[in-house]
Amino acid sequence: MLARIYKPAKTAMQSGTARSRDWLLEFEPSEKQVIEPLMGWTSSGDTRRQVRLHFETREEAVAYAEAHEIPYQVFEPRERKPNIRAYADNFRYDRKGLWTH
């Protein structure tokens, strides 16, 4: 069973990077999910799907996978370019774009 080691991207619901600093080790699903006919819930016999291990560095996650003989694949994160803007720029005299008020 292959494991993925990656640094998660920040969600659209947060403006900071609080939960996107750690590296995650997740297992890829080995079984298909099945919809139970009685309740309509999805289930699977794959219990490793629920495991998410957090590490501070990529090297710690790789060392853990190698120590436990887990085949892994590392996904490097894309670097974000900060888009720094001031609120006062909306009212500049030499502003690019149309005034709407």
N, C-alpha and C. Protein backbone atom coordinates (compact mmCIF):
# COMPACT_ATOMS: atom_id res chain seq x y z
N MET A 1 0.85 -1.17 0.00
CA MET A 1 0.00 0.00 0.00
C MET A 1 0.90 1.23 0.00
N LEU A 2 0.68 2.10 -0.93
CA LEU A 2 1.48 3.30 -1.12
C LEU A 2 1.00 4.41 -0.19
N ALA A 3 1.96 5.17 0.34
CA ALA A 3 1.62 6.31 1.18
C ALA A 3 2.02 7.60 0.47
N ARG A 4 1.27 8.65 0.72
CA ARG A 4 1.57 9.96 0.17
C ARG A 4 2.11 10.85 1.28
N ILE A 5 3.22 11.52 1.02
CA ILE A 5 3.78 12.48 1.96
C ILE A 5 3.69 13.84 1.28
N TYR A 6 2.96 14.76 1.90
CA TYR A 6 2.76 16.07 1.29
C TYR A 6 2.50 17.11 2.36
N LYS A 7 2.58 18.35 1.94
CA LYS A 7 2.27 19.48 2.81
C LYS A 7 0.94 20.04 2.31
N PRO A 8 -0.13 19.99 3.12
CA PRO A 8 -1.44 20.39 2.63
C PRO A 8 -1.52 21.89 2.34
N ALA A 9 -2.31 22.25 1.35
CA ALA A 9 -2.54 23.65 1.02
C ALA A 9 -3.54 24.23 2.01
N LYS A 10 -3.51 25.54 2.15
CA LYS A 10 -4.48 26.17 3.04
C LYS A 10 -5.86 26.11 2.40
N THR A 11 -6.87 26.01 3.22
CA THR A 11 -8.22 25.93 2.69
C THR A 11 -8.72 27.31 2.31
N ALA A 12 -9.79 27.36 1.56
CA ALA A 12 -10.36 28.63 1.14
C ALA A 12 -11.05 29.34 2.30
N MET A 13 -11.32 28.63 3.38
CA MET A 13 -12.04 29.21 4.51
C MET A 13 -11.12 29.87 5.52
N GLN A 14 -9.82 29.85 5.30
CA GLN A 14 -8.92 30.47 6.27
C GLN A 14 -7.99 31.43 5.54
N SER A 15 -7.60 32.49 6.22
CA SER A 15 -6.71 33.45 5.59
C SER A 15 -5.26 33.20 6.00
N GLY A 16 -5.03 32.51 7.09
CA GLY A 16 -3.69 32.23 7.56
C GLY A 16 -3.21 30.86 7.11
N THR A 17 -2.02 30.49 7.55
CA THR A 17 -1.44 29.21 7.16
C THR A 17 -1.26 28.30 8.38
N ALA A 18 -2.18 28.35 9.33
CA ALA A 18 -2.02 27.64 10.60
C ALA A 18 -1.97 26.12 10.43
N ARG A 19 -2.86 25.52 9.68
CA ARG A 19 -2.90 24.06 9.58
C ARG A 19 -2.18 23.53 8.35
N SER A 20 -1.41 24.38 7.70
CA SER A 20 -0.71 23.94 6.51
C SER A 20 0.80 23.95 6.68
N ARG A 21 1.28 23.94 7.91
CA ARG A 21 2.72 23.96 8.16
C ARG A 21 3.30 22.56 8.30
N ASP A 22 2.52 21.61 8.79
CA ASP A 22 3.01 20.25 9.00
C ASP A 22 2.96 19.44 7.71
N TRP A 23 3.77 18.40 7.68
CA TRP A 23 3.74 17.43 6.59
C TRP A 23 2.84 16.29 6.99
N LEU A 24 2.08 15.75 6.05
CA LEU A 24 1.15 14.66 6.31
C LEU A 24 1.60 13.39 5.60
N LEU A 25 1.39 12.27 6.27
CA LEU A 25 1.57 10.96 5.65
C LEU A 25 0.20 10.32 5.63
N GLU A 26 -0.32 10.09 4.44
CA GLU A 26 -1.64 9.46 4.25
C GLU A 26 -1.47 8.25 3.35
N PHE A 27 -2.28 7.25 3.59
CA PHE A 27 -2.26 6.05 2.75
C PHE A 27 -3.28 6.19 1.63
N GLU A 28 -2.91 5.73 0.45
CA GLU A 28 -3.85 5.73 -0.65
C GLU A 28 -4.87 4.62 -0.43
N PRO A 29 -6.09 4.81 -0.86
CA PRO A 29 -7.12 3.78 -0.64
C PRO A 29 -6.81 2.50 -1.41
N SER A 30 -6.97 1.38 -0.74
CA SER A 30 -6.72 0.09 -1.39
C SER A 30 -8.02 -0.60 -1.82
N GLU A 31 -9.14 -0.18 -1.25
CA GLU A 31 -10.44 -0.74 -1.61
C GLU A 31 -11.39 0.37 -2.03
N LYS A 32 -12.35 -0.01 -2.82
CA LYS A 32 -13.39 0.92 -3.22
C LYS A 32 -14.38 1.13 -2.07
N GLN A 33 -14.94 2.32 -1.99
CA GLN A 33 -16.00 2.54 -1.02
C GLN A 33 -17.30 1.98 -1.57
N VAL A 34 -18.11 1.42 -0.67
CA VAL A 34 -19.37 0.78 -1.05
C VAL A 34 -20.51 1.51 -0.33
N ILE A 35 -21.59 1.73 -1.03
CA ILE A 35 -22.77 2.35 -0.42
C ILE A 35 -23.65 1.24 0.13
N GLU A 36 -23.92 1.33 1.43
CA GLU A 36 -24.78 0.32 2.06
C GLU A 36 -26.22 0.58 1.67
N PRO A 37 -26.96 -0.45 1.26
CA PRO A 37 -28.32 -0.23 0.75
C PRO A 37 -29.32 0.19 1.83
N LEU A 38 -29.12 -0.22 3.08
CA LEU A 38 -30.10 0.08 4.11
C LEU A 38 -30.08 1.55 4.52
N MET A 39 -28.90 2.06 4.92
CA MET A 39 -28.80 3.42 5.43
C MET A 39 -28.27 4.41 4.41
N GLY A 40 -27.61 3.92 3.36
CA GLY A 40 -27.06 4.82 2.37
C GLY A 40 -25.70 5.37 2.73
N TRP A 41 -25.07 4.84 3.80
CA TRP A 41 -23.76 5.29 4.22
C TRP A 41 -22.70 4.66 3.33
N THR A 42 -21.58 5.34 3.20
CA THR A 42 -20.47 4.75 2.46
C THR A 42 -19.55 4.06 3.47
N SER A 43 -19.07 2.89 3.10
CA SER A 43 -18.20 2.14 3.99
C SER A 43 -17.10 1.50 3.17
N SER A 44 -16.08 1.05 3.88
CA SER A 44 -14.95 0.40 3.24
C SER A 44 -14.27 -0.48 4.28
N GLY A 45 -13.62 -1.54 3.84
CA GLY A 45 -12.88 -2.40 4.74
C GLY A 45 -11.45 -1.92 4.95
N ASP A 46 -11.10 -0.82 4.31
CA ASP A 46 -9.75 -0.28 4.39
C ASP A 46 -9.64 0.65 5.59
N THR A 47 -8.99 0.20 6.66
CA THR A 47 -8.87 1.03 7.86
C THR A 47 -7.70 1.99 7.80
N ARG A 48 -6.75 1.76 6.91
CA ARG A 48 -5.61 2.69 6.79
C ARG A 48 -6.02 4.02 6.19
N ARG A 49 -7.16 4.06 5.56
CA ARG A 49 -7.66 5.30 4.96
C ARG A 49 -7.90 6.36 6.03
N GLN A 50 -8.16 5.94 7.25
CA GLN A 50 -8.46 6.87 8.34
C GLN A 50 -7.21 7.43 9.00
N VAL A 51 -6.04 6.88 8.70
CA VAL A 51 -4.81 7.28 9.38
C VAL A 51 -4.19 8.48 8.67
N ARG A 52 -3.95 9.54 9.45
CA ARG A 52 -3.23 10.73 8.97
C ARG A 52 -2.18 11.07 10.01
N LEU A 53 -0.92 10.90 9.66
CA LEU A 53 0.17 11.18 10.58
C LEU A 53 0.78 12.54 10.25
N HIS A 54 0.96 13.37 11.27
CA HIS A 54 1.51 14.72 11.11
C HIS A 54 2.98 14.72 11.53
N PHE A 55 3.83 15.38 10.73
CA PHE A 55 5.24 15.51 11.01
C PHE A 55 5.64 16.97 10.80
N GLU A 56 6.64 17.41 11.55
CA GLU A 56 7.09 18.80 11.41
C GLU A 56 7.92 19.02 10.15
N THR A 57 8.69 18.01 9.73
CA THR A 57 9.53 18.16 8.54
C THR A 57 9.30 16.99 7.59
N ARG A 58 9.70 17.20 6.35
CA ARG A 58 9.58 16.15 5.33
C ARG A 58 10.50 14.99 5.67
N GLU A 59 11.68 15.30 6.21
CA GLU A 59 12.66 14.26 6.54
C GLU A 59 12.13 13.32 7.63
N GLU A 60 11.38 13.86 8.59
CA GLU A 60 10.79 13.02 9.64
C GLU A 60 9.77 12.05 9.05
N ALA A 61 8.96 12.54 8.12
CA ALA A 61 7.94 11.69 7.50
C ALA A 61 8.59 10.60 6.66
N VAL A 62 9.63 10.95 5.91
CA VAL A 62 10.33 9.97 5.09
C VAL A 62 11.03 8.93 5.98
N ALA A 63 11.64 9.38 7.07
CA ALA A 63 12.31 8.46 7.99
C ALA A 63 11.31 7.49 8.62
N TYR A 64 10.12 7.98 8.96
CA TYR A 64 9.09 7.10 9.52
C TYR A 64 8.67 6.04 8.51
N ALA A 65 8.44 6.47 7.27
CA ALA A 65 8.01 5.53 6.23
C ALA A 65 9.09 4.48 5.96
N GLU A 66 10.35 4.90 5.95
CA GLU A 66 11.43 3.95 5.71
C GLU A 66 11.64 3.01 6.90
N ALA A 67 11.47 3.52 8.12
CA ALA A 67 11.65 2.68 9.30
C ALA A 67 10.58 1.59 9.39
N HIS A 68 9.37 1.90 8.91
CA HIS A 68 8.27 0.94 8.95
C HIS A 68 8.05 0.24 7.61
N GLU A 69 9.00 0.41 6.70
CA GLU A 69 8.98 -0.23 5.38
C GLU A 69 7.68 0.04 4.62
N ILE A 70 7.28 1.28 4.61
CA ILE A 70 6.08 1.71 3.90
C ILE A 70 6.53 2.35 2.59
N PRO A 71 6.07 1.84 1.45
CA PRO A 71 6.40 2.53 0.20
C PRO A 71 5.71 3.89 0.16
N TYR A 72 6.44 4.91 -0.27
CA TYR A 72 5.90 6.27 -0.20
C TYR A 72 6.23 7.04 -1.46
N GLN A 73 5.50 8.14 -1.63
CA GLN A 73 5.72 9.09 -2.71
C GLN A 73 5.63 10.48 -2.10
N VAL A 74 6.65 11.31 -2.35
CA VAL A 74 6.70 12.66 -1.79
C VAL A 74 6.23 13.67 -2.82
N PHE A 75 5.33 14.55 -2.41
CA PHE A 75 4.84 15.64 -3.25
C PHE A 75 5.34 16.94 -2.65
N GLU A 76 6.18 17.65 -3.40
CA GLU A 76 6.73 18.92 -2.92
C GLU A 76 5.67 20.02 -3.03
N PRO A 77 5.60 20.92 -2.05
CA PRO A 77 4.60 21.99 -2.10
C PRO A 77 5.00 23.09 -3.07
N ARG A 78 4.02 23.77 -3.60
CA ARG A 78 4.27 24.95 -4.43
C ARG A 78 4.39 26.15 -3.51
N GLU A 79 5.32 27.00 -3.81
CA GLU A 79 5.51 28.20 -3.00
C GLU A 79 4.50 29.27 -3.41
N ARG A 80 3.93 29.93 -2.43
CA ARG A 80 2.96 30.99 -2.69
C ARG A 80 3.67 32.32 -2.82
N LYS A 81 3.18 33.14 -3.73
CA LYS A 81 3.66 34.50 -3.82
C LYS A 81 2.71 35.37 -3.01
N PRO A 82 3.20 36.08 -2.01
CA PRO A 82 2.29 36.92 -1.24
C PRO A 82 1.82 38.11 -2.07
N ASN A 83 0.55 38.38 -1.98
CA ASN A 83 -0.07 39.49 -2.69
C ASN A 83 -0.40 40.56 -1.64
N ILE A 84 0.54 41.44 -1.40
CA ILE A 84 0.40 42.43 -0.34
C ILE A 84 -0.25 43.68 -0.93
N ARG A 85 -1.40 44.04 -0.38
CA ARG A 85 -2.12 45.23 -0.82
C ARG A 85 -2.58 46.01 0.41
N ALA A 86 -2.64 47.29 0.25
CA ALA A 86 -3.15 48.15 1.31
C ALA A 86 -4.57 48.59 0.95
N TYR A 87 -5.37 48.81 1.95
CA TYR A 87 -6.73 49.27 1.72
C TYR A 87 -6.74 50.65 1.08
N ALA A 88 -5.75 51.47 1.40
CA ALA A 88 -5.67 52.83 0.88
C ALA A 88 -5.44 52.84 -0.63
N ASP A 89 -4.92 51.74 -1.19
CA ASP A 89 -4.70 51.69 -2.64
C ASP A 89 -6.00 51.75 -3.42
N ASN A 90 -7.13 51.44 -2.80
CA ASN A 90 -8.42 51.54 -3.48
C ASN A 90 -8.79 52.99 -3.80
N PHE A 91 -8.19 53.93 -3.11
CA PHE A 91 -8.56 55.34 -3.25
C PHE A 91 -7.41 56.19 -3.80
N ARG A 92 -6.42 55.58 -4.40
CA ARG A 92 -5.29 56.32 -4.95
C ARG A 92 -5.73 57.13 -6.17
N TYR A 93 -5.04 58.26 -6.37
CA TYR A 93 -5.38 59.13 -7.50
C TYR A 93 -4.98 58.47 -8.82
N ASP A 94 -3.84 57.81 -8.87
CA ASP A 94 -3.34 57.19 -10.10
C ASP A 94 -3.74 55.72 -10.20
N ARG A 95 -4.87 55.39 -9.68
CA ARG A 95 -5.35 54.01 -9.64
C ARG A 95 -5.63 53.48 -11.04
N LYS A 96 -5.29 52.24 -11.28
CA LYS A 96 -5.58 51.57 -12.55
C LYS A 96 -6.97 50.96 -12.44
N GLY A 97 -7.82 51.24 -13.37
CA GLY A 97 -9.18 50.69 -13.33
C GLY A 97 -10.20 51.79 -13.16
N LEU A 98 -11.47 51.44 -13.28
CA LEU A 98 -12.54 52.41 -13.23
C LEU A 98 -13.01 52.65 -11.80
N TRP A 99 -13.41 53.87 -11.54
CA TRP A 99 -14.03 54.19 -10.26
C TRP A 99 -15.48 53.80 -10.34
N THR A 100 -16.00 53.22 -9.30
CA THR A 100 -17.38 52.75 -9.34
C THR A 100 -18.28 53.59 -8.43
N HIS A 101 -17.77 54.63 -7.86
CA HIS A 101 -18.61 55.46 -7.00
C HIS A 101 -18.44 56.91 -7.30
